[in-house]
């Protein structure tokens, strides 16, 4: 019989903090080529959404609001940054990748990070439930 992995619903969400320090530390350890992208996306998220809470868990940066839980997850890989909208399936025009309630976009350049649809998705993320 094939073993089943742990259910994703059993994962404990990160502990929220009002301090951005943990995100700053995470960004400093991202590969140098991707740092301009994560810094731009981080600033765009912070400028677009009021009352944010922050966390880093599983080498991922989390952004949340008390009313909707964790709404955005940012993950830096070797050649791209995935910007995951944890309630993205509920957007009027969801990001192209993902399944279930999450949708994401792979960002490989600073120009892609500056695309208008990224800003629209970030603003919309604050209005839909994410991961509690």
N, C-alpha and C. Protein backbone atom coordinates (compact mmCIF):
# COMPACT_ATOMS: atom_id res chain seq x y z
N UNK A 1 0.85 -1.18 0.00
CA UNK A 1 0.00 0.00 0.00
C UNK A 1 0.89 1.24 0.00
N UNK A 2 0.53 2.21 -0.81
CA UNK A 2 1.29 3.45 -0.92
C UNK A 2 1.05 4.32 0.31
N UNK A 3 2.15 4.83 0.88
CA UNK A 3 2.02 5.73 2.03
C UNK A 3 1.54 7.10 1.59
N UNK A 4 0.68 7.68 2.38
CA UNK A 4 0.23 9.03 2.08
C UNK A 4 1.04 10.01 2.90
N UNK A 5 1.37 11.12 2.29
CA UNK A 5 2.10 12.17 3.01
C UNK A 5 1.17 12.89 3.96
N UNK A 6 1.73 13.74 4.78
CA UNK A 6 0.88 14.48 5.72
C UNK A 6 -0.06 15.42 4.99
N UNK A 7 -1.22 15.59 5.52
CA UNK A 7 -2.20 16.49 4.93
C UNK A 7 -1.71 17.93 5.06
N UNK A 8 -1.92 18.72 4.03
CA UNK A 8 -1.49 20.12 4.09
C UNK A 8 -2.31 20.91 5.11
N UNK A 9 -3.46 20.39 5.48
CA UNK A 9 -4.28 21.08 6.47
C UNK A 9 -3.72 20.94 7.87
N UNK A 10 -2.77 20.02 8.08
CA UNK A 10 -2.18 19.84 9.40
C UNK A 10 -1.00 20.78 9.63
N UNK A 11 -0.56 21.45 8.61
CA UNK A 11 0.55 22.39 8.78
C UNK A 11 0.09 23.57 9.61
N UNK A 12 0.89 23.91 10.60
CA UNK A 12 0.55 25.06 11.43
C UNK A 12 1.00 26.34 10.72
N UNK A 13 0.11 27.31 10.66
CA UNK A 13 0.51 28.57 10.01
C UNK A 13 1.61 29.26 10.80
N UNK A 14 2.36 30.13 10.15
CA UNK A 14 3.40 30.89 10.84
C UNK A 14 2.79 31.78 11.92
N UNK A 15 3.59 32.13 12.91
CA UNK A 15 3.17 33.06 13.95
C UNK A 15 3.33 34.49 13.43
N UNK A 16 2.27 35.29 13.42
CA UNK A 16 2.35 36.66 12.88
C UNK A 16 3.14 37.60 13.80
N UNK A 17 3.78 38.55 13.16
CA UNK A 17 4.51 39.59 13.88
C UNK A 17 4.25 40.93 13.19
N UNK A 18 4.23 41.99 13.98
CA UNK A 18 4.10 43.32 13.39
C UNK A 18 5.45 43.85 12.90
N UNK A 19 6.53 43.16 13.27
CA UNK A 19 7.88 43.57 12.89
C UNK A 19 8.26 43.00 11.52
N UNK A 20 8.86 43.83 10.71
CA UNK A 20 9.32 43.43 9.38
C UNK A 20 10.74 42.86 9.42
N UNK A 21 11.36 42.81 10.59
CA UNK A 21 12.77 42.43 10.72
C UNK A 21 13.05 41.03 10.18
N UNK A 22 12.16 40.10 10.43
CA UNK A 22 12.38 38.73 9.96
C UNK A 22 12.36 38.66 8.43
N UNK A 23 11.52 39.46 7.80
CA UNK A 23 11.48 39.52 6.33
C UNK A 23 12.78 40.15 5.82
N UNK A 24 13.24 41.22 6.48
CA UNK A 24 14.51 41.84 6.08
C UNK A 24 15.65 40.82 6.12
N UNK A 25 15.70 40.03 7.18
CA UNK A 25 16.73 39.01 7.32
C UNK A 25 16.61 37.97 6.21
N UNK A 26 15.39 37.53 5.94
CA UNK A 26 15.16 36.55 4.86
C UNK A 26 15.63 37.10 3.52
N UNK A 27 15.29 38.37 3.23
CA UNK A 27 15.68 38.97 1.95
C UNK A 27 17.20 39.06 1.81
N UNK A 28 17.90 39.28 2.92
CA UNK A 28 19.37 39.39 2.85
C UNK A 28 20.02 38.06 2.48
N UNK A 29 19.32 36.95 2.67
CA UNK A 29 19.88 35.63 2.35
C UNK A 29 19.44 35.10 0.98
N UNK A 30 18.58 35.84 0.29
CA UNK A 30 18.14 35.44 -1.05
C UNK A 30 19.31 35.60 -2.00
N UNK A 31 19.36 34.77 -3.03
CA UNK A 31 20.44 34.86 -4.02
C UNK A 31 20.56 36.29 -4.53
N UNK A 32 21.79 36.80 -4.67
CA UNK A 32 22.00 38.20 -5.06
C UNK A 32 21.25 38.62 -6.32
N UNK A 33 21.16 37.74 -7.31
CA UNK A 33 20.47 38.10 -8.56
C UNK A 33 18.98 38.34 -8.35
N UNK A 34 18.41 37.72 -7.32
CA UNK A 34 16.97 37.84 -7.07
C UNK A 34 16.63 38.91 -6.04
N UNK A 35 17.63 39.45 -5.35
CA UNK A 35 17.35 40.43 -4.31
C UNK A 35 16.61 41.67 -4.81
N UNK A 36 16.95 42.24 -5.97
CA UNK A 36 16.17 43.39 -6.44
C UNK A 36 14.69 43.05 -6.66
N UNK A 37 14.42 41.82 -7.08
CA UNK A 37 13.03 41.41 -7.31
C UNK A 37 12.29 41.30 -5.99
N UNK A 38 12.87 40.58 -5.01
CA UNK A 38 12.16 40.40 -3.73
C UNK A 38 12.02 41.73 -3.00
N UNK A 39 13.02 42.59 -3.10
CA UNK A 39 12.92 43.90 -2.43
C UNK A 39 11.82 44.75 -3.07
N UNK A 40 11.73 44.71 -4.39
CA UNK A 40 10.67 45.48 -5.07
C UNK A 40 9.29 44.93 -4.70
N UNK A 41 9.12 43.61 -4.76
CA UNK A 41 7.83 43.02 -4.44
C UNK A 41 7.45 43.28 -2.98
N UNK A 42 8.41 43.17 -2.08
CA UNK A 42 8.16 43.45 -0.66
C UNK A 42 7.68 44.88 -0.47
N UNK A 43 8.36 45.82 -1.11
CA UNK A 43 7.97 47.23 -0.98
C UNK A 43 6.58 47.46 -1.57
N UNK A 44 6.32 46.85 -2.69
CA UNK A 44 5.00 47.00 -3.33
C UNK A 44 3.90 46.45 -2.43
N UNK A 45 4.15 45.31 -1.80
CA UNK A 45 3.16 44.72 -0.89
C UNK A 45 2.94 45.65 0.30
N UNK A 46 4.03 46.13 0.91
CA UNK A 46 3.91 46.99 2.10
C UNK A 46 3.26 48.33 1.76
N UNK A 47 3.52 48.85 0.57
CA UNK A 47 2.91 50.13 0.17
C UNK A 47 1.43 49.98 -0.20
N UNK A 48 1.01 48.79 -0.56
CA UNK A 48 -0.35 48.57 -1.07
C UNK A 48 -1.35 48.11 -0.02
N UNK A 49 -0.86 47.51 1.07
CA UNK A 49 -1.76 46.89 2.04
C UNK A 49 -1.48 47.44 3.44
N UNK A 50 -2.51 47.98 4.06
CA UNK A 50 -2.39 48.50 5.43
C UNK A 50 -2.53 47.39 6.45
N UNK A 51 -1.88 47.58 7.61
CA UNK A 51 -2.06 46.67 8.73
C UNK A 51 -1.44 45.30 8.55
N UNK A 52 -0.38 45.20 7.77
CA UNK A 52 0.25 43.91 7.50
C UNK A 52 0.89 43.29 8.73
N UNK A 53 0.90 41.98 8.73
CA UNK A 53 1.69 41.21 9.67
C UNK A 53 2.63 40.35 8.85
N UNK A 54 3.75 39.94 9.46
CA UNK A 54 4.81 39.27 8.73
C UNK A 54 5.26 38.01 9.43
N UNK A 55 5.85 37.11 8.65
CA UNK A 55 6.46 35.91 9.21
C UNK A 55 7.36 35.29 8.15
N UNK A 56 8.30 34.49 8.62
CA UNK A 56 9.11 33.65 7.74
C UNK A 56 9.03 32.24 8.31
N UNK A 57 8.64 31.30 7.47
CA UNK A 57 8.57 29.90 7.87
C UNK A 57 8.79 29.06 6.63
N UNK A 58 9.47 27.95 6.78
CA UNK A 58 9.77 27.05 5.67
C UNK A 58 10.53 27.78 4.55
N UNK A 59 11.38 28.74 4.92
CA UNK A 59 12.17 29.55 3.96
C UNK A 59 11.29 30.34 2.99
N UNK A 60 10.12 30.73 3.48
CA UNK A 60 9.17 31.52 2.70
C UNK A 60 8.77 32.73 3.53
N UNK A 61 8.56 33.84 2.85
CA UNK A 61 8.08 35.06 3.51
C UNK A 61 6.57 35.09 3.40
N UNK A 62 5.91 35.44 4.52
CA UNK A 62 4.45 35.50 4.56
C UNK A 62 4.00 36.91 4.92
N UNK A 63 2.93 37.33 4.27
CA UNK A 63 2.29 38.62 4.51
C UNK A 63 0.82 38.35 4.80
N UNK A 64 0.31 38.94 5.86
CA UNK A 64 -1.07 38.69 6.21
C UNK A 64 -1.75 39.89 6.80
N UNK A 65 -3.06 39.78 6.90
CA UNK A 65 -3.87 40.79 7.57
C UNK A 65 -4.79 40.03 8.53
N UNK A 66 -5.04 40.60 9.71
CA UNK A 66 -5.84 39.87 10.71
C UNK A 66 -7.20 39.39 10.19
N UNK A 67 -7.85 40.17 9.37
CA UNK A 67 -9.20 39.82 8.90
C UNK A 67 -9.21 38.61 7.96
N UNK A 68 -8.15 38.43 7.16
CA UNK A 68 -8.13 37.38 6.14
C UNK A 68 -7.03 36.35 6.30
N UNK A 69 -6.20 36.45 7.32
CA UNK A 69 -5.11 35.49 7.51
C UNK A 69 -3.93 35.80 6.60
N UNK A 70 -3.16 34.76 6.32
CA UNK A 70 -2.00 34.92 5.43
C UNK A 70 -2.50 35.02 4.00
N UNK A 71 -2.15 36.12 3.33
CA UNK A 71 -2.71 36.36 1.99
C UNK A 71 -1.68 36.23 0.88
N UNK A 72 -0.39 36.44 1.21
CA UNK A 72 0.66 36.36 0.19
C UNK A 72 1.84 35.60 0.78
N UNK A 73 2.41 34.74 -0.07
CA UNK A 73 3.62 33.99 0.29
C UNK A 73 4.63 34.29 -0.81
N UNK A 74 5.86 34.61 -0.42
CA UNK A 74 6.91 34.86 -1.42
C UNK A 74 8.02 33.84 -1.19
N UNK A 75 8.40 33.16 -2.28
CA UNK A 75 9.41 32.11 -2.22
C UNK A 75 10.47 32.41 -3.27
N UNK A 76 11.73 32.44 -2.86
CA UNK A 76 12.82 32.68 -3.80
C UNK A 76 13.52 31.36 -4.11
N UNK A 77 13.57 31.03 -5.39
CA UNK A 77 14.26 29.83 -5.85
C UNK A 77 15.58 30.25 -6.51
N UNK A 78 16.16 29.37 -7.32
CA UNK A 78 17.44 29.69 -7.96
C UNK A 78 17.33 30.75 -9.05
N UNK A 79 16.26 30.70 -9.84
CA UNK A 79 16.15 31.60 -10.99
C UNK A 79 14.87 32.42 -11.01
N UNK A 80 14.00 32.22 -10.03
CA UNK A 80 12.75 32.97 -10.03
C UNK A 80 12.24 33.16 -8.61
N UNK A 81 11.30 34.06 -8.50
CA UNK A 81 10.59 34.31 -7.25
C UNK A 81 9.13 33.98 -7.52
N UNK A 82 8.58 33.09 -6.70
CA UNK A 82 7.16 32.80 -6.83
C UNK A 82 6.40 33.69 -5.86
N UNK A 83 5.43 34.40 -6.39
CA UNK A 83 4.56 35.23 -5.58
C UNK A 83 3.22 34.50 -5.55
N UNK A 84 2.90 33.94 -4.37
CA UNK A 84 1.73 33.09 -4.21
C UNK A 84 0.64 33.89 -3.52
N UNK A 85 -0.52 33.91 -4.14
CA UNK A 85 -1.69 34.57 -3.57
C UNK A 85 -2.57 33.47 -2.99
N UNK A 86 -2.59 33.37 -1.66
CA UNK A 86 -3.20 32.22 -1.00
C UNK A 86 -4.72 32.14 -1.18
N UNK A 87 -5.35 33.22 -1.57
CA UNK A 87 -6.77 33.20 -1.93
C UNK A 87 -6.97 33.58 -3.38
N UNK A 88 -5.95 33.40 -4.19
CA UNK A 88 -5.94 33.88 -5.57
C UNK A 88 -7.04 33.33 -6.46
N UNK A 89 -7.58 32.15 -6.14
CA UNK A 89 -8.65 31.60 -6.96
C UNK A 89 -9.90 32.47 -6.90
N UNK A 90 -10.01 33.28 -5.84
CA UNK A 90 -11.16 34.17 -5.70
C UNK A 90 -11.00 35.53 -6.35
N UNK A 91 -9.88 35.76 -7.02
CA UNK A 91 -9.66 37.04 -7.69
C UNK A 91 -10.54 37.14 -8.93
N UNK A 92 -10.84 38.38 -9.35
CA UNK A 92 -11.63 38.57 -10.55
C UNK A 92 -10.88 38.08 -11.79
N UNK A 93 -9.55 38.22 -11.80
CA UNK A 93 -8.69 37.71 -12.87
C UNK A 93 -7.50 37.04 -12.19
N UNK A 94 -7.61 35.74 -11.82
CA UNK A 94 -6.58 35.10 -11.03
C UNK A 94 -5.24 34.94 -11.76
N UNK A 95 -4.15 34.90 -11.00
CA UNK A 95 -2.85 34.57 -11.59
C UNK A 95 -2.92 33.22 -12.30
N UNK A 96 -2.04 33.01 -13.28
CA UNK A 96 -2.19 31.87 -14.18
C UNK A 96 -1.82 30.50 -13.61
N UNK A 97 -1.00 30.43 -12.58
CA UNK A 97 -0.50 29.15 -12.10
C UNK A 97 -1.12 28.76 -10.77
N UNK A 98 -1.17 27.46 -10.51
CA UNK A 98 -1.66 26.99 -9.22
C UNK A 98 -2.95 26.22 -9.33
N UNK A 99 -3.35 25.69 -8.16
CA UNK A 99 -4.60 24.93 -8.09
C UNK A 99 -5.20 25.12 -6.71
N UNK A 100 -6.39 24.60 -6.52
CA UNK A 100 -7.06 24.81 -5.25
C UNK A 100 -7.37 26.29 -5.08
N UNK A 101 -7.22 26.80 -3.87
CA UNK A 101 -7.52 28.21 -3.63
C UNK A 101 -6.34 29.13 -3.94
N UNK A 102 -5.12 28.58 -3.99
CA UNK A 102 -3.93 29.40 -4.24
C UNK A 102 -3.66 29.56 -5.73
N UNK A 103 -3.15 30.72 -6.07
CA UNK A 103 -2.67 30.98 -7.43
C UNK A 103 -1.35 31.73 -7.30
N UNK A 104 -0.48 31.55 -8.29
CA UNK A 104 0.82 32.22 -8.20
C UNK A 104 1.35 32.62 -9.55
N UNK A 105 2.40 33.40 -9.50
CA UNK A 105 3.10 33.83 -10.69
C UNK A 105 4.60 33.69 -10.42
N UNK A 106 5.33 33.25 -11.45
CA UNK A 106 6.80 33.17 -11.37
C UNK A 106 7.36 34.48 -11.90
N UNK A 107 8.21 35.12 -11.12
CA UNK A 107 8.79 36.40 -11.51
C UNK A 107 10.30 36.17 -11.68
N UNK A 108 10.79 36.42 -12.90
CA UNK A 108 12.20 36.16 -13.20
C UNK A 108 13.02 37.42 -13.39
N UNK A 109 12.35 38.56 -13.61
CA UNK A 109 13.08 39.82 -13.83
C UNK A 109 12.40 40.94 -13.05
N UNK A 110 13.15 42.00 -12.85
CA UNK A 110 12.60 43.17 -12.18
C UNK A 110 11.48 43.79 -13.01
N UNK A 111 11.61 43.76 -14.34
CA UNK A 111 10.55 44.28 -15.21
C UNK A 111 9.25 43.49 -15.01
N UNK A 112 9.36 42.18 -14.88
CA UNK A 112 8.16 41.37 -14.63
C UNK A 112 7.54 41.74 -13.28
N UNK A 113 8.39 42.02 -12.28
CA UNK A 113 7.90 42.40 -10.95
C UNK A 113 7.14 43.72 -10.99
N UNK A 114 7.48 44.56 -11.96
CA UNK A 114 6.84 45.88 -12.09
C UNK A 114 5.60 45.86 -12.97
N UNK A 115 5.21 44.70 -13.47
CA UNK A 115 4.04 44.59 -14.35
C UNK A 115 2.78 45.04 -13.61
N UNK A 116 1.89 45.76 -14.28
CA UNK A 116 0.68 46.27 -13.63
C UNK A 116 -0.18 45.19 -12.98
N UNK A 117 -0.25 44.01 -13.59
CA UNK A 117 -1.11 42.97 -13.02
C UNK A 117 -0.60 42.49 -11.66
N UNK A 118 0.71 42.57 -11.42
CA UNK A 118 1.25 42.20 -10.10
C UNK A 118 0.66 43.13 -9.04
N UNK A 119 0.67 44.42 -9.30
CA UNK A 119 0.09 45.38 -8.36
C UNK A 119 -1.39 45.16 -8.15
N UNK A 120 -2.11 44.82 -9.21
CA UNK A 120 -3.54 44.55 -9.10
C UNK A 120 -3.79 43.33 -8.22
N UNK A 121 -3.01 42.26 -8.41
CA UNK A 121 -3.17 41.05 -7.61
C UNK A 121 -2.83 41.32 -6.14
N UNK A 122 -1.79 42.11 -5.90
CA UNK A 122 -1.43 42.44 -4.52
C UNK A 122 -2.57 43.18 -3.83
N UNK A 123 -3.13 44.17 -4.49
CA UNK A 123 -4.25 44.92 -3.90
C UNK A 123 -5.47 44.03 -3.69
N UNK A 124 -5.73 43.15 -4.65
CA UNK A 124 -6.89 42.27 -4.52
C UNK A 124 -6.68 41.25 -3.40
N UNK A 125 -5.44 40.85 -3.14
CA UNK A 125 -5.15 39.87 -2.09
C UNK A 125 -5.65 40.34 -0.73
N UNK A 126 -5.63 41.64 -0.49
CA UNK A 126 -6.08 42.18 0.80
C UNK A 126 -7.58 42.08 0.98
N UNK A 127 -8.31 41.77 -0.09
CA UNK A 127 -9.78 41.74 -0.01
C UNK A 127 -10.38 40.35 0.01
N UNK A 128 -9.55 39.29 -0.12
CA UNK A 128 -10.08 37.93 -0.13
C UNK A 128 -9.44 37.11 0.99
N UNK A 129 -10.16 36.14 1.53
CA UNK A 129 -9.59 35.30 2.57
C UNK A 129 -8.40 34.50 2.07
N UNK A 130 -7.41 34.37 2.90
CA UNK A 130 -6.22 33.58 2.58
C UNK A 130 -6.17 32.31 3.41
N UNK A 131 -5.03 32.09 4.01
CA UNK A 131 -4.81 30.89 4.84
C UNK A 131 -4.83 31.31 6.29
N UNK A 132 -5.75 30.75 7.05
CA UNK A 132 -5.90 31.12 8.47
C UNK A 132 -5.04 30.25 9.36
